[in-house]
PDB file of N, CA and C in Angstrom:
ATOM      1  N   MET A   1    -134.928  13.078 -22.490  1.00  0.00           N
ATOM      2  CA  MET A   1    -134.794  12.819 -23.931  1.00  0.00           C
ATOM      3  C   MET A   1    -134.183  11.449 -24.211  1.00  0.00           C
ATOM      4  N   MET A   2    -133.502  10.864 -23.219  1.00  0.00           N
ATOM      5  CA  MET A   2    -132.903   9.545 -23.429  1.00  0.00           C
ATOM      6  C   MET A   2    -133.978   8.509 -23.758  1.00  0.00           C
ATOM      7  N   GLY A   3    -135.082   8.537 -23.001  1.00  0.00           N
ATOM      8  CA  GLY A   3    -136.148   7.572 -23.223  1.00  0.00           C
ATOM      9  C   GLY A   3    -136.745   7.709 -24.616  1.00  0.00           C
ATOM     10  N   TYR A   4    -136.934   8.963 -25.048  1.00  0.00           N
ATOM     11  CA  TYR A   4    -137.509   9.205 -26.373  1.00  0.00           C
ATOM     12  C   TYR A   4    -136.585   8.678 -27.466  1.00  0.00           C
ATOM     13  N   ASN A   5    -135.283   8.987 -27.339  1.00  0.00           N
ATOM     14  CA  ASN A   5    -134.308   8.519 -28.324  1.00  0.00           C
ATOM     15  C   ASN A   5    -134.238   6.997 -28.334  1.00  0.00           C
ATOM     16  N   TYR A   6    -134.337   6.379 -27.166  1.00  0.00           N
ATOM     17  CA  TYR A   6    -134.300   4.917 -27.080  1.00  0.00           C
ATOM     18  C   TYR A   6    -135.498   4.307 -27.807  1.00  0.00           C
ATOM     19  N   MET A   7    -136.671   4.895 -27.588  1.00  0.00           N
ATOM     20  CA  MET A   7    -137.882   4.377 -28.219  1.00  0.00           C
ATOM     21  C   MET A   7    -137.814   4.528 -29.739  1.00  0.00           C
ATOM     22  N   MET A   8    -137.292   5.663 -30.209  1.00  0.00           N
ATOM     23  CA  MET A   8    -137.207   5.896 -31.652  1.00  0.00           C
ATOM     24  C   MET A   8    -136.170   4.978 -32.295  1.00  0.00           C
ATOM     25  N   GLY A   9    -135.036   4.759 -31.608  1.00  0.00           N
ATOM     26  CA  GLY A   9    -133.953   3.963 -32.188  1.00  0.00           C
ATOM     27  C   GLY A   9    -134.090   2.482 -31.886  1.00  0.00           C
ATOM     28  N   GLY A  10    -134.095   2.123 -30.581  1.00  0.00           N
ATOM     29  CA  GLY A  10    -134.083   0.725 -30.180  1.00  0.00           C
ATOM     30  C   GLY A  10    -135.359  -0.005 -30.533  1.00  0.00           C
ATOM     31  N   SER A  11    -136.511   0.598 -30.215  1.00  0.00           N
ATOM     32  CA  SER A  11    -137.783  -0.090 -30.397  1.00  0.00           C
ATOM     33  C   SER A  11    -138.558   0.470 -31.582  1.00  0.00           C
ATOM     34  N   GLY A  12    -137.864   1.057 -32.540  1.00  0.00           N
ATOM     35  CA  GLY A  12    -138.545   1.642 -33.696  1.00  0.00           C
ATOM     36  C   GLY A  12    -139.324   0.605 -34.480  1.00  0.00           C
ATOM     37  N   GLY A  13    -138.696  -0.555 -34.715  1.00  0.00           N
ATOM     38  CA  GLY A  13    -139.358  -1.607 -35.473  1.00  0.00           C
ATOM     39  C   GLY A  13    -140.588  -2.126 -34.759  1.00  0.00           C
ATOM     40  N   THR A  14    -140.479  -2.295 -33.436  1.00  0.00           N
ATOM     41  CA  THR A  14    -141.606  -2.797 -32.655  1.00  0.00           C
ATOM     42  C   THR A  14    -142.769  -1.819 -32.697  1.00  0.00           C
ATOM     43  N   MET A  15    -142.462  -0.536 -32.558  1.00  0.00           N
ATOM     44  CA  MET A  15    -143.509   0.483 -32.585  1.00  0.00           C
ATOM     45  C   MET A  15    -144.212   0.489 -33.939  1.00  0.00           C
ATOM     46  N   MET A  16    -143.447   0.373 -35.004  1.00  0.00           N
ATOM     47  CA  MET A  16    -144.035   0.335 -36.343  1.00  0.00           C
ATOM     48  C   MET A  16    -144.926  -0.894 -36.499  1.00  0.00           C
ATOM     49  N   PHE A  17    -144.464  -2.037 -35.966  1.00  0.00           N
ATOM     50  CA  PHE A  17    -145.244  -3.277 -36.050  1.00  0.00           C
ATOM     51  C   PHE A  17    -146.593  -3.111 -35.364  1.00  0.00           C
ATOM     52  N   PHE A  18    -146.568  -2.533 -34.149  1.00  0.00           N
ATOM     53  CA  PHE A  18    -147.813  -2.329 -33.410  1.00  0.00           C
ATOM     54  C   PHE A  18    -148.720  -1.351 -34.137  1.00  0.00           C
ATOM     55  N   ALA A  19    -148.122  -0.312 -34.736  1.00  0.00           N
ATOM     56  CA  ALA A  19    -148.916   0.681 -35.473  1.00  0.00           C
ATOM     57  C   ALA A  19    -149.613   0.020 -36.660  1.00  0.00           C
ATOM     58  N   TRP A  20    -148.899  -0.822 -37.397  1.00  0.00           N
ATOM     59  CA  TRP A  20    -149.482  -1.498 -38.550  1.00  0.00           C
ATOM     60  C   TRP A  20    -150.555  -2.494 -38.123  1.00  0.00           C
ATOM     61  N   THR A  21    -150.290  -3.207 -36.996  1.00  0.00           N
ATOM     62  CA  THR A  21    -151.276  -4.168 -36.497  1.00  0.00           C
ATOM     63  C   THR A  21    -152.567  -3.463 -36.120  1.00  0.00           C
ATOM     64  N   THR A  22    -152.444  -2.321 -35.414  1.00  0.00           N
ATOM     65  CA  THR A  22    -153.620  -1.551 -35.016  1.00  0.00           C
ATOM     66  C   THR A  22    -154.363  -1.061 -36.247  1.00  0.00           C
ATOM     67  N   TYR A  23    -153.619  -0.547 -37.240  1.00  0.00           N
ATOM     68  CA  TYR A  23    -154.225  -0.036 -38.472  1.00  0.00           C
ATOM     69  C   TYR A  23    -155.012  -1.133 -39.189  1.00  0.00           C
ATOM     70  N   LEU A  24    -154.409  -2.320 -39.304  1.00  0.00           N
ATOM     71  CA  LEU A  24    -155.073  -3.438 -39.966  1.00  0.00           C
ATOM     72  C   LEU A  24    -156.317  -3.865 -39.199  1.00  0.00           C
ATOM     73  N   LEU A  25    -156.209  -3.907 -37.865  1.00  0.00           N
ATOM     74  CA  LEU A  25    -157.336  -4.319 -37.035  1.00  0.00           C
ATOM     75  C   LEU A  25    -158.509  -3.369 -37.213  1.00  0.00           C
ATOM     76  N   VAL A  26    -158.221  -2.060 -37.196  1.00  0.00           N
ATOM     77  CA  VAL A  26    -159.273  -1.054 -37.373  1.00  0.00           C
ATOM     78  C   VAL A  26    -159.917  -1.205 -38.749  1.00  0.00           C
ATOM     79  N   THR A  27    -159.104  -1.433 -39.779  1.00  0.00           N
ATOM     80  CA  THR A  27    -159.640  -1.587 -41.137  1.00  0.00           C
ATOM     81  C   THR A  27    -160.560  -2.798 -41.219  1.00  0.00           C
ATOM     82  N   VAL A  28    -160.136  -3.919 -40.631  1.00  0.00           N
ATOM     83  CA  VAL A  28    -160.942  -5.146 -40.660  1.00  0.00           C
ATOM     84  C   VAL A  28    -162.263  -4.928 -39.933  1.00  0.00           C
ATOM     85  N   LEU A  29    -162.201  -4.292 -38.759  1.00  0.00           N
ATOM     86  CA  LEU A  29    -163.419  -4.027 -37.996  1.00  0.00           C
ATOM     87  C   LEU A  29    -164.353  -3.119 -38.776  1.00  0.00           C
ATOM     88  N   LEU A  30    -163.799  -2.127 -39.464  1.00  0.00           N
ATOM     89  CA  LEU A  30    -164.605  -1.201 -40.253  1.00  0.00           C
ATOM     90  C   LEU A  30    -165.317  -1.946 -41.378  1.00  0.00           C
ATOM     91  N   VAL A  31    -164.577  -2.815 -42.080  1.00  0.00           N
ATOM     92  CA  VAL A  31    -165.163  -3.583 -43.182  1.00  0.00           C
ATOM     93  C   VAL A  31    -166.259  -4.511 -42.665  1.00  0.00           C
ATOM     94  N   LEU A  32    -166.007  -5.186 -41.550  1.00  0.00           N
ATOM     95  CA  LEU A  32    -167.007  -6.088 -40.970  1.00  0.00           C
ATOM     96  C   LEU A  32    -168.246  -5.319 -40.540  1.00  0.00           C
ATOM     97  N   GLY A  33    -168.032  -4.134 -39.954  1.00  0.00           N
ATOM     98  CA  GLY A  33    -169.156  -3.299 -39.528  1.00  0.00           C
ATOM     99  C   GLY A  33    -170.016  -2.870 -40.704  1.00  0.00           C
ATOM    100  N   ILE A  34    -169.371  -2.465 -41.803  1.00  0.00           N
ATOM    101  CA  ILE A  34    -170.108  -2.043 -42.999  1.00  0.00           C
ATOM    102  C   ILE A  34    -170.867  -3.225 -43.596  1.00  0.00           C
ATOM    103  N   ALA A  35    -170.232  -4.403 -43.615  1.00  0.00           N
ATOM    104  CA  ALA A  35    -170.878  -5.602 -44.158  1.00  0.00           C
ATOM    105  C   ALA A  35    -172.107  -5.970 -43.327  1.00  0.00           C
ATOM    106  N   ALA A  36    -171.976  -5.911 -42.006  1.00  0.00           N
ATOM    107  CA  ALA A  36    -173.097  -6.233 -41.120  1.00  0.00           C
ATOM    108  C   ALA A  36    -174.224  -5.224 -41.313  1.00  0.00           C
ATOM    109  N   LEU A  37    -173.864  -3.950 -41.441  1.00  0.00           N
ATOM    110  CA  LEU A  37    -174.857  -2.895 -41.650  1.00  0.00           C
ATOM    111  C   LEU A  37    -175.573  -3.109 -42.980  1.00  0.00           C
ATOM    112  N   TRP A  38    -174.826  -3.475 -44.009  1.00  0.00           N
ATOM    113  CA  TRP A  38    -175.388  -3.712 -45.340  1.00  0.00           C
ATOM    114  C   TRP A  38    -176.394  -4.862 -45.298  1.00  0.00           C
ATOM    115  N   LYS A  39    -176.037  -5.958 -44.621  1.00  0.00           N
ATOM    116  CA  LYS A  39    -176.946  -7.094 -44.483  1.00  0.00           C
ATOM    117  C   LYS A  39    -178.206  -6.678 -43.729  1.00  0.00           C
ATOM    118  N   TYR A  40    -178.025  -5.878 -42.663  1.00  0.00           N
ATOM    119  CA  TYR A  40    -179.158  -5.441 -41.848  1.00  0.00           C
ATOM    120  C   TYR A  40    -180.102  -4.574 -42.667  1.00  0.00           C
ATOM    121  N   ILE A  41    -179.537  -3.687 -43.502  1.00  0.00           N
ATOM    122  CA  ILE A  41    -180.364  -2.795 -44.322  1.00  0.00           C
ATOM    123  C   ILE A  41    -181.096  -3.595 -45.397  1.00  0.00           C
ATOM    124  N   ASN A  42    -180.408  -4.536 -46.031  1.00  0.00           N
ATOM    125  CA  ASN A  42    -181.023  -5.323 -47.100  1.00  0.00           C
ATOM    126  C   ASN A  42    -182.089  -6.272 -46.568  1.00  0.00           C
ATOM    127  N   ARG A  43    -181.971  -6.672 -45.306  1.00  0.00           N
ATOM    128  CA  ARG A  43    -182.928  -7.608 -44.723  1.00  0.00           C
ATOM    129  C   ARG A  43    -184.280  -6.947 -44.502  1.00  0.00           C
ATOM    130  N   LYS A  44    -184.273  -5.641 -44.235  1.00  0.00           N
ATOM    131  CA  LYS A  44    -185.535  -4.946 -43.943  1.00  0.00           C
ATOM    132  C   LYS A  44    -186.385  -4.771 -45.195  1.00  0.00           C
TER     133      LYS A  44
END
């Protein structure tokens, strides 16, 4: 349990930062994918 408590307390900010970065990255990729799909559909 020491490791878990350390991660929650000591590296809490870092974990949140990585979580937000991943979330933003996924959102950007999703938007780009939809935009590319939209262009592909409209081109046909």
